[in-house]
């Protein structure tokens, strides 16, 4: 029998079982676990619903059970499950909605009893009774909500790995939404993901060296937006250059920089730098190429890796770096802030990744967003006027008036930096995020997945940066200052987790470690795309551009790895045996 206490509590155990329902049911049957194993009636009901394959019912009953069970103390056993509970935002929503129904029904019944007692002739008394009933219902619902510790930040199921980012996450109140909307209105082919990524990168640049969040978090970020040709990758970059021109910092928004030395030189001229790069895979391929200049390659890795977390300190350049002052090199860059807004074609981006980029933490520092399909043609596209929209221009001025000019390479007076603190509930939310990130890291470590370990190790830092940007964006519009809200942390974690799950899945499916692995991945992509109907060998030969001998090697390897099945079709007109490949999912 399973010892549920060792699993960290009945609710935590059931949450985990619901997460992996199909596998869990079989394990529980073999272990002969019954509803009597659980001491709590609601947990017993949830268990029965789970075993009868009514997952949604089990999830709802779990949410109701959670109201009656004290908060589980975090310990080594519970950590494995508290962070991995299934779809908790949906649980909270459904349970509260169900409770609201019961509460309103209860109060409606009380009103009906008043009517039956003959008070209908006194309308004022009836209205007052109705008002009190509604207030009482609202108070009960508020009290109910306060009992829930279910966390909407964790409402990111692993199925998110199979879909691009949820568009509902591509909204941040204030500056980001304003700039995103401006980019969408003026683009010839509006795309929400590209416009949002560009706006977020621009805010990170404008906030550079002016803001600091809890745990010394800084607003600089590395964003990679993936889109096919014709989707509109150039427009958000053009919008950002327009905003930089209005702010008078156009020199700090630069295009491609192909070496670490060039990047250091640019930072000496302007320590707050936004690099906007197209065909980002080209740079990654240079890093991947063993024949490329080792000095240039090593320098690029070093600078990009170290600058991500160096905004709160200093960076010393190489001895031969040339500053705007004509110094002899080895100079100090104060509070360097490098933000990257890169774009690439999805297939080329993932093909360009090498083992070093995956394991050394570079990709873990990046937020990779997929733009999806091309938008409809916009006949009113173009930036026709001289002025930015009034609300956007006002928020830009608000950010500009904070602190000193951020692009001057001088030591920053702490009085010129705005400190942004956690608001109500935000610090607790960050602790929950840390707990889940730790659970995902431990899972990756058990599976010896170096890439996933690197990703989840960096996830808390990314959440801190994004939550800070949310607060800055929101505060640029408001008049009450800057504070990181609970909503900011919830949004940041949902976005980070969604993007990282998707990236890990795409890396596994599209990135190769050697030439043979590259052939396997290419063939497998076409086979999977064909679905249940499969793909004929002759068709795969043409699409994958592989030779007959290479296809034989691919077929043998994929069969040995249990990734495909092979069906033999009736002989074709030329007398040859035709094969059909079908992916095993």
Protein backbone atom coordinates (compact mmCIF):
# COMPACT_ATOMS: atom_id res chain seq x y z
CA UNK A 1 0.00 0.00 0.00
CA UNK A 2 1.13 3.54 -0.69
CA UNK A 3 2.01 5.60 2.37
CA UNK A 4 0.27 8.89 1.56
CA UNK A 5 1.80 10.65 4.56
CA UNK A 6 5.24 10.14 3.05
CA UNK A 7 3.96 11.80 -0.11
CA UNK A 8 3.46 15.06 1.74
CA UNK A 9 -0.24 14.99 2.60
CA UNK A 10 -3.44 13.61 1.09
CA UNK A 11 -4.29 16.63 -1.03
CA UNK A 12 -0.75 16.99 -2.34
CA UNK A 13 -0.62 13.31 -3.26
CA UNK A 14 -3.97 13.43 -5.03
CA UNK A 15 -2.97 16.58 -6.90
CA UNK A 16 0.03 14.73 -8.26
CA UNK A 17 -2.08 11.69 -9.14
CA UNK A 18 -4.53 13.83 -11.09
CA UNK A 19 -1.59 15.40 -12.96
CA UNK A 20 -0.51 12.00 -14.29
CA UNK A 21 -3.98 10.42 -14.22
CA UNK A 22 -3.59 7.60 -16.73
CA UNK A 23 -0.35 6.29 -15.26
CA UNK A 24 -1.53 6.88 -11.69
CA UNK A 25 -4.73 4.85 -12.08
CA UNK A 26 -2.80 1.77 -13.18
CA UNK A 27 -0.27 2.12 -10.35
CA UNK A 28 -3.03 2.57 -7.77
CA UNK A 29 -4.90 -0.49 -9.02
CA UNK A 30 -1.78 -2.65 -8.83
CA UNK A 31 -1.04 -1.34 -5.34
CA UNK A 32 -4.68 -2.12 -4.36
CA UNK A 33 -5.22 1.38 -3.01
CA UNK A 34 -8.87 2.08 -2.21
CA UNK A 35 -10.87 5.08 -1.10
CA UNK A 36 -10.53 3.88 2.49
CA UNK A 37 -6.86 4.83 2.30
CA UNK A 38 -7.90 8.47 2.63
CA UNK A 39 -9.09 9.87 5.94
CA UNK A 40 -10.89 12.88 4.47
CA UNK A 41 -14.32 12.35 2.88
CA UNK A 42 -13.70 14.84 0.09
CA UNK A 43 -10.39 13.17 -0.74
CA UNK A 44 -12.14 9.81 -0.86
CA UNK A 45 -14.68 11.23 -3.29
CA UNK A 46 -11.93 12.74 -5.41
CA UNK A 47 -10.10 9.41 -5.46
CA UNK A 48 -13.22 7.57 -6.67
CA UNK A 49 -13.76 10.17 -9.40
CA UNK A 50 -10.14 9.75 -10.47
CA UNK A 51 -10.43 5.96 -10.64
CA UNK A 52 -13.61 6.25 -12.73
CA UNK A 53 -11.65 8.46 -15.17
CA UNK A 54 -13.67 11.57 -14.32
CA UNK A 55 -10.64 13.81 -14.09
CA UNK A 56 -12.49 17.12 -14.06
CA UNK A 57 -14.75 15.91 -11.24
CA UNK A 58 -11.73 14.70 -9.28
CA UNK A 59 -10.04 18.08 -9.75
CA UNK A 60 -13.08 19.97 -8.50
CA UNK A 61 -13.48 17.72 -5.47
CA UNK A 62 -9.81 18.23 -4.70
CA UNK A 63 -10.32 21.97 -4.69
CA UNK A 64 -13.22 21.62 -2.27
CA UNK A 65 -11.15 19.27 -0.11
CA UNK A 66 -8.37 21.82 0.06
CA UNK A 67 -10.65 24.23 1.94
CA UNK A 68 -10.91 21.73 4.80
CA UNK A 69 -7.28 20.62 4.99
CA UNK A 70 -4.72 22.87 6.74
CA UNK A 71 -1.86 24.23 4.67
CA UNK A 72 0.68 21.45 4.13
CA UNK A 73 4.02 22.25 5.71
CA UNK A 74 6.75 22.49 3.10
CA UNK A 75 9.23 19.67 3.50
CA UNK A 76 11.36 17.53 1.25
CA UNK A 77 8.50 15.11 0.55
CA UNK A 78 5.81 17.71 -0.11
CA UNK A 79 8.08 19.78 -2.38
CA UNK A 80 7.87 17.05 -4.98
CA UNK A 81 4.11 17.57 -5.29
CA UNK A 82 3.12 21.05 -4.14
CA UNK A 83 4.75 22.62 -7.15
CA UNK A 84 3.37 20.15 -9.64
CA UNK A 85 -0.35 20.11 -8.83
CA UNK A 86 -2.61 20.06 -11.84
CA UNK A 87 -4.30 23.09 -13.33
CA UNK A 88 -4.83 24.88 -10.05
CA UNK A 89 -6.28 28.09 -11.44
CA UNK A 90 -9.09 26.09 -13.04
CA UNK A 91 -9.63 24.27 -9.73
CA UNK A 92 -9.91 27.53 -7.84
CA UNK A 93 -12.24 29.07 -10.41
CA UNK A 94 -14.55 26.04 -10.54
CA UNK A 95 -14.66 25.54 -6.79
CA UNK A 96 -15.39 29.20 -6.07
CA UNK A 97 -18.04 29.29 -8.82
CA UNK A 98 -19.68 26.18 -7.37
CA UNK A 99 -19.63 27.67 -3.89
CA UNK A 100 -21.06 30.94 -5.19
CA UNK A 101 -23.96 29.00 -6.66
CA UNK A 102 -24.68 27.33 -3.33
CA UNK A 103 -24.40 30.61 -1.42
CA UNK A 104 -26.69 32.53 -3.78
CA UNK A 105 -29.18 29.64 -3.77
CA UNK A 106 -29.16 29.65 0.03
CA UNK A 107 -29.85 33.40 0.15
CA UNK A 108 -32.54 33.14 -2.52
CA UNK A 109 -34.28 30.53 -0.41
CA UNK A 110 -34.16 32.91 2.56
CA UNK A 111 -35.81 35.60 0.48
CA UNK A 112 -38.52 33.23 -0.63
CA UNK A 113 -39.26 32.40 2.99
CA UNK A 114 -39.65 36.12 3.71
CA UNK A 115 -42.15 36.41 0.87
CA UNK A 116 -44.09 33.41 2.14
CA UNK A 117 -44.36 35.09 5.55
CA UNK A 118 -46.38 37.88 3.97
CA UNK A 119 -43.82 40.70 3.89
CA UNK A 120 -44.36 41.33 0.17
CA UNK A 121 -46.61 44.26 1.05
CA UNK A 122 -43.62 46.13 2.48
CA UNK A 123 -41.31 46.81 -0.52
CA UNK A 124 -38.74 48.76 1.52
CA UNK A 125 -38.36 45.87 3.96
CA UNK A 126 -38.04 43.44 1.05
CA UNK A 127 -35.37 45.56 -0.67
CA UNK A 128 -33.43 45.90 2.59
CA UNK A 129 -33.63 42.14 3.14
CA UNK A 130 -32.43 41.52 -0.39
CA UNK A 131 -29.54 43.95 0.07
CA UNK A 132 -28.49 42.24 3.29
CA UNK A 133 -28.72 38.83 1.63
CA UNK A 134 -26.46 39.95 -1.21
CA UNK A 135 -23.95 41.49 1.21
CA UNK A 136 -23.94 38.31 3.26
CA UNK A 137 -23.37 36.23 0.14
CA UNK A 138 -20.53 38.47 -0.96
CA UNK A 139 -18.93 38.24 2.48
CA UNK A 140 -19.15 34.44 2.41
CA UNK A 141 -17.59 34.33 -1.06
CA UNK A 142 -14.78 36.68 0.03
CA UNK A 143 -14.11 34.50 3.06
CA UNK A 144 -14.11 31.44 0.84
CA UNK A 145 -11.55 32.97 -1.51
CA UNK A 146 -9.27 33.82 1.40
CA UNK A 147 -9.18 30.13 2.40
CA UNK A 148 -7.84 29.03 -0.98
CA UNK A 149 -4.11 28.64 -1.36
CA UNK A 150 -4.45 27.28 -4.89
CA UNK A 151 -2.21 29.30 -7.14
CA UNK A 152 -3.19 30.49 -10.63
CA UNK A 153 0.49 30.89 -11.44
CA UNK A 154 0.69 27.10 -11.62
CA UNK A 155 -2.09 26.80 -14.20
CA UNK A 156 0.35 25.82 -16.93
CA UNK A 157 -0.11 22.13 -17.73
CA UNK A 158 2.68 20.27 -19.49
CA UNK A 159 0.45 20.14 -22.57
CA UNK A 160 1.52 23.77 -23.05
CA UNK A 161 4.69 22.35 -24.56
CA UNK A 162 2.70 21.42 -27.68
CA UNK A 163 1.25 24.88 -28.32
CA UNK A 164 2.70 28.39 -28.85
CA UNK A 165 2.22 30.87 -26.03
CA UNK A 166 -1.35 31.64 -24.97
CA UNK A 167 -2.22 35.06 -26.40
CA UNK A 168 -3.90 36.05 -23.13
CA UNK A 169 -0.39 36.26 -21.63
CA UNK A 170 0.70 38.82 -24.23
CA UNK A 171 -0.79 41.73 -22.31
CA UNK A 172 0.84 43.98 -19.71
CA UNK A 173 -1.09 47.07 -18.55
CA UNK A 174 0.37 50.49 -19.24
CA UNK A 175 3.36 51.13 -21.46
CA UNK A 176 3.76 47.62 -22.95
CA UNK A 177 0.12 47.38 -24.04
CA UNK A 178 0.23 50.93 -25.43
CA UNK A 179 3.35 50.27 -27.51
CA UNK A 180 2.09 46.84 -28.59
CA UNK A 181 -1.20 48.34 -29.78
CA UNK A 182 0.65 51.12 -31.65
CA UNK A 183 2.85 48.52 -33.38
CA UNK A 184 -0.23 46.45 -34.27
CA UNK A 185 -2.15 49.44 -35.65
CA UNK A 186 0.71 50.54 -37.88
CA UNK A 187 2.00 47.14 -39.06
CA UNK A 188 1.20 45.92 -42.54
CA UNK A 189 0.76 42.39 -41.20
CA UNK A 190 -0.11 42.81 -37.48
CA UNK A 191 1.15 40.02 -35.24
CA UNK A 192 0.53 40.16 -31.49
CA UNK A 193 3.51 38.07 -30.46
CA UNK A 194 6.04 40.07 -32.48
CA UNK A 195 4.58 43.41 -31.39
CA UNK A 196 4.46 42.34 -27.73
CA UNK A 197 8.04 41.00 -27.79
CA UNK A 198 9.28 44.24 -29.34
CA UNK A 199 7.41 46.39 -26.80
CA UNK A 200 8.69 44.36 -23.84
CA UNK A 201 12.27 44.61 -25.12
CA UNK A 202 11.90 48.37 -25.63
CA UNK A 203 10.61 48.85 -22.08
CA UNK A 204 13.54 46.80 -20.74
CA UNK A 205 15.88 49.18 -22.56
CA UNK A 206 14.14 52.39 -21.47
CA UNK A 207 14.14 51.18 -17.84
CA UNK A 208 17.82 50.26 -17.97
CA UNK A 209 19.95 51.56 -15.08
CA UNK A 210 16.91 53.35 -13.63
CA UNK A 211 15.10 50.58 -11.74
CA UNK A 212 15.99 47.80 -9.35
CA UNK A 213 13.63 45.19 -7.96
CA UNK A 214 13.74 42.76 -5.00
CA UNK A 215 16.86 40.58 -4.81
CA UNK A 216 18.65 43.13 -7.01
CA UNK A 217 16.66 42.13 -10.10
CA UNK A 218 17.19 44.35 -13.15
CA UNK A 219 14.93 44.91 -16.16
CA UNK A 220 17.27 43.80 -18.99
CA UNK A 221 16.09 40.72 -20.89
CA UNK A 222 17.01 38.52 -23.86
CA UNK A 223 14.03 37.95 -26.18
CA UNK A 224 13.99 35.76 -29.29
CA UNK A 225 10.89 35.97 -31.51
CA UNK A 226 10.51 33.19 -34.07
CA UNK A 227 8.49 33.73 -37.23
CA UNK A 228 8.49 32.47 -40.80
CA UNK A 229 9.31 34.75 -43.71
CA UNK A 230 6.60 37.31 -44.45
CA UNK A 231 5.10 37.37 -40.94
CA UNK A 232 6.52 40.84 -40.18
CA UNK A 233 9.66 40.50 -38.07
CA UNK A 234 11.09 43.87 -39.13
CA UNK A 235 8.18 46.11 -38.11
CA UNK A 236 8.56 45.96 -34.28
CA UNK A 237 12.25 46.82 -34.70
CA UNK A 238 11.29 49.83 -36.80
CA UNK A 239 8.75 50.91 -34.16
CA UNK A 240 11.43 50.64 -31.45
CA UNK A 241 13.80 52.80 -33.47
CA UNK A 242 10.99 55.36 -33.82
CA UNK A 243 10.47 55.38 -30.03
CA UNK A 244 14.22 55.67 -29.39
CA UNK A 245 14.36 58.64 -31.76
CA UNK A 246 11.54 60.36 -29.87
CA UNK A 247 13.43 59.74 -26.63
CA UNK A 248 16.73 60.97 -28.09
CA UNK A 249 18.56 57.67 -27.50
CA UNK A 250 18.54 56.32 -31.05
CA UNK A 251 22.29 55.64 -30.84
CA UNK A 252 21.65 53.09 -28.07
CA UNK A 253 19.44 50.89 -30.29
CA UNK A 254 21.75 49.00 -32.61
CA UNK A 255 21.60 46.20 -35.13
CA UNK A 256 23.76 43.16 -35.53
CA UNK A 257 27.02 42.96 -33.56
CA UNK A 258 29.06 40.02 -34.72
CA UNK A 259 31.78 39.75 -32.06
CA UNK A 260 32.35 40.08 -28.36
CA UNK A 261 34.89 42.80 -29.01
CA UNK A 262 32.36 44.84 -30.97
CA UNK A 263 29.83 44.40 -28.19
CA UNK A 264 32.28 45.66 -25.56
CA UNK A 265 33.13 48.70 -27.69
CA UNK A 266 29.42 49.50 -28.09
CA UNK A 267 28.85 49.23 -24.32
CA UNK A 268 31.66 51.69 -23.63
CA UNK A 269 29.88 54.21 -25.83
CA UNK A 270 26.46 53.50 -24.28
CA UNK A 271 26.17 51.10 -21.32
CA UNK A 272 22.40 50.83 -21.85
CA UNK A 273 22.19 48.96 -25.15
CA UNK A 274 19.33 47.32 -27.06
CA UNK A 275 20.57 44.91 -29.72
CA UNK A 276 17.95 44.25 -32.41
CA UNK A 277 19.09 41.37 -34.58
CA UNK A 278 17.47 39.56 -37.47
CA UNK A 279 18.55 36.07 -38.53
CA UNK A 280 19.80 35.36 -35.02
CA UNK A 281 20.59 31.83 -36.13
CA UNK A 282 23.49 33.26 -38.18
CA UNK A 283 25.23 34.39 -34.99
CA UNK A 284 24.53 31.06 -33.30
CA UNK A 285 25.96 29.20 -36.29
CA UNK A 286 29.16 31.24 -36.01
CA UNK A 287 29.42 30.19 -32.37
CA UNK A 288 28.69 26.62 -33.39
CA UNK A 289 31.33 26.53 -36.14
CA UNK A 290 34.56 25.05 -34.86
CA UNK A 291 36.42 26.63 -37.80
CA UNK A 292 35.37 30.16 -36.84
CA UNK A 293 37.77 32.41 -34.97
CA UNK A 294 38.05 30.90 -31.50
CA UNK A 295 38.89 34.28 -29.95
CA UNK A 296 35.82 36.00 -31.40
CA UNK A 297 33.58 33.05 -30.51
CA UNK A 298 34.80 32.79 -26.93
CA UNK A 299 34.50 36.55 -26.43
CA UNK A 300 30.91 36.61 -27.68
CA UNK A 301 29.91 33.78 -25.35
CA UNK A 302 31.65 35.42 -22.40
CA UNK A 303 30.15 38.86 -22.88
CA UNK A 304 26.57 37.72 -23.54
CA UNK A 305 26.57 35.27 -20.64
CA UNK A 306 28.11 37.59 -18.07
CA UNK A 307 26.18 40.76 -18.98
CA UNK A 308 22.79 39.16 -18.37
CA UNK A 309 23.25 39.35 -14.61
CA UNK A 310 25.76 42.22 -14.39
CA UNK A 311 23.42 45.22 -14.47
CA UNK A 312 23.82 45.77 -10.77
CA UNK A 313 27.62 45.90 -10.85
CA UNK A 314 30.41 46.78 -13.29
CA UNK A 315 32.01 45.16 -16.29
CA UNK A 316 35.69 45.56 -17.22
CA UNK A 317 36.48 45.42 -20.93
CA UNK A 318 39.44 43.77 -22.62
CA UNK A 319 42.68 45.75 -22.71
CA UNK A 320 42.30 46.83 -26.34
CA UNK A 321 38.70 48.05 -26.09
CA UNK A 322 38.20 51.51 -27.56
CA UNK A 323 35.89 53.87 -25.71
CA UNK A 324 34.31 57.12 -26.93
CA UNK A 325 36.97 58.92 -24.88
CA UNK A 326 39.76 57.14 -26.73
CA UNK A 327 41.04 55.26 -23.69
CA UNK A 328 43.62 52.53 -23.82
CA UNK A 329 41.27 49.70 -22.91
CA UNK A 330 40.57 47.75 -19.75
CA UNK A 331 37.93 50.33 -18.87
CA UNK A 332 34.96 49.98 -16.55
CA UNK A 333 31.36 49.94 -17.77
CA UNK A 334 29.10 51.03 -14.93
CA UNK A 335 25.86 49.08 -14.49
CA UNK A 336 25.90 47.67 -18.04
CA UNK A 337 22.42 46.83 -19.32
CA UNK A 338 22.26 44.70 -22.45
CA UNK A 339 18.82 43.77 -23.77
CA UNK A 340 18.40 41.66 -26.89
CA UNK A 341 15.45 41.57 -29.25
CA UNK A 342 16.34 38.92 -31.83
CA UNK A 343 14.27 37.32 -34.56
CA UNK A 344 14.75 34.18 -36.61
CA UNK A 345 12.94 31.55 -38.65
CA UNK A 346 11.92 28.73 -36.26
CA UNK A 347 13.48 25.81 -38.14
CA UNK A 348 16.77 27.67 -38.69
CA UNK A 349 16.94 28.83 -35.08
CA UNK A 350 16.61 25.37 -33.56
CA UNK A 351 18.93 23.85 -36.16
CA UNK A 352 21.60 26.41 -35.23
CA UNK A 353 21.70 25.47 -31.55
CA UNK A 354 24.76 23.59 -30.43
CA UNK A 355 25.31 21.54 -27.29
CA UNK A 356 27.20 24.39 -25.68
CA UNK A 357 24.35 26.88 -26.17
CA UNK A 358 21.97 24.36 -24.63
CA UNK A 359 24.01 23.34 -21.61
CA UNK A 360 25.98 26.46 -20.65
CA UNK A 361 22.90 28.50 -19.77
CA UNK A 362 22.73 30.85 -22.75
CA UNK A 363 19.37 29.57 -24.01
CA UNK A 364 18.09 29.41 -20.44
CA UNK A 365 18.61 33.18 -20.26
CA UNK A 366 16.40 33.71 -23.32
CA UNK A 367 12.64 33.97 -23.62
CA UNK A 368 11.75 32.31 -26.93
CA UNK A 369 8.35 33.24 -28.42
CA UNK A 370 6.77 31.80 -31.56
CA UNK A 371 4.78 34.25 -33.66
CA UNK A 372 2.57 31.74 -35.46
CA UNK A 373 0.66 32.61 -38.61
CA UNK A 374 0.88 35.81 -40.63
CA UNK A 375 -1.75 38.43 -39.82
CA UNK A 376 -4.32 39.90 -42.19
CA UNK A 377 -3.25 42.77 -44.45
CA UNK A 378 -3.75 46.19 -42.81
CA UNK A 379 -4.58 48.87 -45.43
CA UNK A 380 -3.95 51.65 -42.85
CA UNK A 381 -0.40 50.58 -42.03
CA UNK A 382 2.52 52.94 -41.65
CA UNK A 383 3.74 55.56 -39.19
CA UNK A 384 2.33 58.61 -40.95
CA UNK A 385 2.51 61.28 -38.26
CA UNK A 386 5.46 62.96 -36.59
CA UNK A 387 4.12 62.41 -33.07
CA UNK A 388 3.58 59.20 -31.13
CA UNK A 389 0.05 58.62 -29.76
CA UNK A 390 -0.58 60.93 -26.81
CA UNK A 391 -0.96 58.22 -24.09
CA UNK A 392 2.22 56.47 -25.27
CA UNK A 393 4.14 59.77 -25.45
CA UNK A 394 2.99 60.67 -21.92
CA UNK A 395 4.20 57.37 -20.48
CA UNK A 396 7.47 57.74 -22.35
CA UNK A 397 7.98 61.14 -20.72
CA UNK A 398 7.16 59.69 -17.30
CA UNK A 399 9.89 57.08 -17.73
CA UNK A 400 12.31 59.61 -19.20
CA UNK A 401 11.93 61.96 -16.21
CA UNK A 402 13.06 59.28 -13.77
CA UNK A 403 16.73 59.47 -12.81
CA UNK A 404 19.51 60.71 -15.07
CA UNK A 405 20.13 59.90 -18.71
CA UNK A 406 20.67 56.12 -18.68
CA UNK A 407 23.04 55.98 -21.66
CA UNK A 408 25.95 57.88 -20.08
CA UNK A 409 28.79 55.64 -18.88
CA UNK A 410 29.17 57.14 -15.40
CA UNK A 411 28.79 55.69 -11.95
CA UNK A 412 25.11 55.91 -11.02
CA UNK A 413 24.02 57.77 -7.90
CA UNK A 414 21.73 55.43 -5.89
CA UNK A 415 19.31 58.35 -5.57
CA UNK A 416 18.80 58.18 -9.33
CA UNK A 417 17.62 54.56 -9.16
CA UNK A 418 13.97 53.74 -8.39
CA UNK A 419 13.63 50.79 -6.02
CA UNK A 420 10.53 48.70 -6.69
CA UNK A 421 9.30 46.58 -3.78
CA UNK A 422 6.86 43.69 -3.57
CA UNK A 423 3.26 44.69 -2.95
CA UNK A 424 0.68 42.70 -0.97
CA UNK A 425 0.91 38.98 -1.66
CA UNK A 426 3.73 39.27 -4.22
CA UNK A 427 6.50 37.99 -1.93
CA UNK A 428 4.43 34.93 -0.97
CA UNK A 429 3.76 34.32 -4.65
CA UNK A 430 7.47 34.38 -5.38
CA UNK A 431 8.02 31.75 -2.69
CA UNK A 432 5.45 29.52 -4.38
CA UNK A 433 7.12 30.09 -7.75
CA UNK A 434 10.46 29.16 -6.21
CA UNK A 435 8.95 25.98 -4.82
CA UNK A 436 7.62 24.88 -8.19
CA UNK A 437 10.81 25.85 -10.02
CA UNK A 438 12.78 23.77 -7.50
CA UNK A 439 10.48 20.80 -8.08
CA UNK A 440 10.97 21.05 -11.84
CA UNK A 441 14.73 21.37 -11.36
CA UNK A 442 14.82 18.25 -9.15
CA UNK A 443 12.79 16.35 -11.73
CA UNK A 444 15.24 17.36 -14.48
CA UNK A 445 18.17 16.34 -12.29
CA UNK A 446 16.66 12.90 -11.67
CA UNK A 447 16.28 12.50 -15.42
CA UNK A 448 19.84 13.79 -15.99
CA UNK A 449 18.53 16.45 -18.37
CA UNK A 450 21.22 19.16 -18.35
CA UNK A 451 19.25 21.50 -20.61
CA UNK A 452 16.13 21.36 -18.43
CA UNK A 453 18.21 21.81 -15.27
CA UNK A 454 19.74 24.95 -16.75
CA UNK A 455 16.31 26.28 -17.77
CA UNK A 456 14.57 25.79 -14.42
CA UNK A 457 17.64 27.03 -12.54
CA UNK A 458 17.29 30.40 -14.34
CA UNK A 459 13.50 30.56 -14.27
CA UNK A 460 13.20 32.43 -10.96
CA UNK A 461 15.58 35.14 -12.21
CA UNK A 462 13.47 35.54 -15.36
CA UNK A 463 10.28 35.78 -13.29
CA UNK A 464 11.88 38.53 -11.19
CA UNK A 465 12.82 40.51 -14.30
CA UNK A 466 9.41 40.15 -15.92
CA UNK A 467 7.51 40.99 -12.72
CA UNK A 468 9.66 44.12 -12.42
CA UNK A 469 8.89 45.09 -16.03
CA UNK A 470 5.18 44.55 -15.37
CA UNK A 471 5.38 46.96 -12.43
CA UNK A 472 7.31 49.55 -14.47
CA UNK A 473 4.85 49.32 -17.36
CA UNK A 474 1.89 49.66 -15.03
CA UNK A 475 3.51 52.47 -13.04
CA UNK A 476 4.40 54.49 -16.15
CA UNK A 477 0.67 55.07 -16.67
CA UNK A 478 -0.45 55.38 -13.04
CA UNK A 479 0.34 58.15 -10.61
CA UNK A 480 0.79 56.11 -7.43
CA UNK A 481 4.36 54.94 -8.15
CA UNK A 482 5.83 51.51 -8.75
CA UNK A 483 5.18 48.25 -6.88
CA UNK A 484 5.27 44.59 -7.90
CA UNK A 485 1.78 43.19 -7.46
CA UNK A 486 0.75 39.59 -6.94
CA UNK A 487 -0.78 39.70 -10.43
CA UNK A 488 2.61 40.68 -11.86
CA UNK A 489 4.30 37.61 -10.35
CA UNK A 490 1.45 35.32 -11.43
CA UNK A 491 1.69 36.60 -15.00
CA UNK A 492 5.48 36.41 -15.08
CA UNK A 493 5.60 32.79 -13.93
CA UNK A 494 2.84 31.67 -16.26
CA UNK A 495 4.63 33.26 -19.20
CA UNK A 496 8.06 31.92 -18.24
CA UNK A 497 6.80 28.40 -17.61
CA UNK A 498 4.77 28.31 -20.83
CA UNK A 499 7.68 29.52 -22.93
CA UNK A 500 10.23 27.24 -21.27
CA UNK A 501 8.08 24.11 -21.59
CA UNK A 502 7.53 24.89 -25.25
CA UNK A 503 11.22 25.61 -25.85
CA UNK A 504 12.33 22.37 -24.18
CA UNK A 505 9.88 20.39 -26.32
CA UNK A 506 11.01 22.14 -29.51
CA UNK A 507 14.69 21.64 -28.68
CA UNK A 508 14.07 17.93 -28.10
CA UNK A 509 12.26 17.61 -31.44
CA UNK A 510 14.42 19.86 -33.61
CA UNK A 511 17.96 20.14 -32.27
CA UNK A 512 20.59 17.61 -33.23
CA UNK A 513 23.82 16.72 -31.50
CA UNK A 514 25.58 15.36 -34.63
CA UNK A 515 24.97 14.96 -38.40
CA UNK A 516 23.23 11.58 -37.99
CA UNK A 517 20.96 12.96 -35.28
CA UNK A 518 20.10 15.85 -37.60
CA UNK A 519 18.95 13.39 -40.29
CA UNK A 520 16.86 11.50 -37.75
CA UNK A 521 15.19 14.66 -36.51
CA UNK A 522 14.46 15.88 -40.04
CA UNK A 523 12.88 12.56 -41.08
CA UNK A 524 10.94 12.27 -37.84
CA UNK A 525 9.44 15.75 -38.29
CA UNK A 526 7.99 14.78 -41.67
CA UNK A 527 6.74 11.43 -40.34
CA UNK A 528 5.02 13.06 -37.36
CA UNK A 529 3.49 15.74 -39.55
CA UNK A 530 1.90 13.04 -41.71
CA UNK A 531 -0.04 11.81 -38.67
CA UNK A 532 -1.92 8.51 -38.62
CA UNK A 533 -2.04 8.16 -42.39
CA UNK A 534 1.76 7.98 -42.45
CA UNK A 535 4.21 8.98 -45.16
CA UNK A 536 5.45 6.84 -48.01
CA UNK A 537 9.17 6.15 -48.31
CA UNK A 538 9.32 7.76 -51.77
CA UNK A 539 7.70 10.93 -50.46
CA UNK A 540 10.07 11.08 -47.47
CA UNK A 541 13.05 10.70 -49.82
CA UNK A 542 11.97 13.81 -51.73
CA UNK A 543 10.92 15.97 -48.77
CA UNK A 544 13.85 15.22 -46.47
CA UNK A 545 16.42 15.36 -49.31
CA UNK A 546 18.05 12.16 -48.07
CA UNK A 547 19.61 9.39 -50.13
CA UNK A 548 18.25 5.85 -50.23
CA UNK A 549 21.15 4.68 -48.06
CA UNK A 550 20.51 7.46 -45.53
CA UNK A 551 16.81 6.58 -45.39
CA UNK A 552 17.76 2.95 -44.65
CA UNK A 553 19.93 4.11 -41.75
CA UNK A 554 17.21 6.43 -40.46
CA UNK A 555 14.56 3.70 -40.70
CA UNK A 556 16.71 1.17 -38.83
CA UNK A 557 17.58 3.63 -36.03
CA UNK A 558 14.03 4.93 -35.54
CA UNK A 559 12.69 1.37 -35.44
CA UNK A 560 15.27 0.42 -32.80
CA UNK A 561 14.24 3.47 -30.78
CA UNK A 562 10.54 2.52 -31.04
CA UNK A 563 9.70 5.89 -32.57
CA UNK A 564 8.08 4.64 -35.80
CA UNK A 565 6.30 1.66 -37.28
CA UNK A 566 6.78 0.49 -40.87
CA UNK A 567 3.97 -0.90 -43.01
CA UNK A 568 4.61 -2.66 -46.30
CA UNK A 569 2.22 -1.55 -49.05
CA UNK A 570 1.18 -3.59 -52.09
CA UNK A 571 3.83 -3.68 -54.81
CA UNK A 572 3.90 -0.61 -57.01
CA UNK A 573 3.79 -0.58 -60.82
CA UNK A 574 7.58 -0.85 -61.01
CA UNK A 575 7.51 -4.01 -58.92
CA UNK A 576 9.26 -2.50 -55.90
CA UNK A 577 7.94 -2.89 -52.38
CA UNK A 578 6.58 0.41 -51.02
CA UNK A 579 6.94 1.29 -47.35
CA UNK A 580 4.82 3.54 -45.18
CA UNK A 581 6.26 5.19 -42.05
CA UNK A 582 3.99 6.08 -39.11
CA UNK A 583 5.17 7.81 -35.94
CA UNK A 584 4.53 6.24 -32.54
CA UNK A 585 3.18 8.90 -30.16
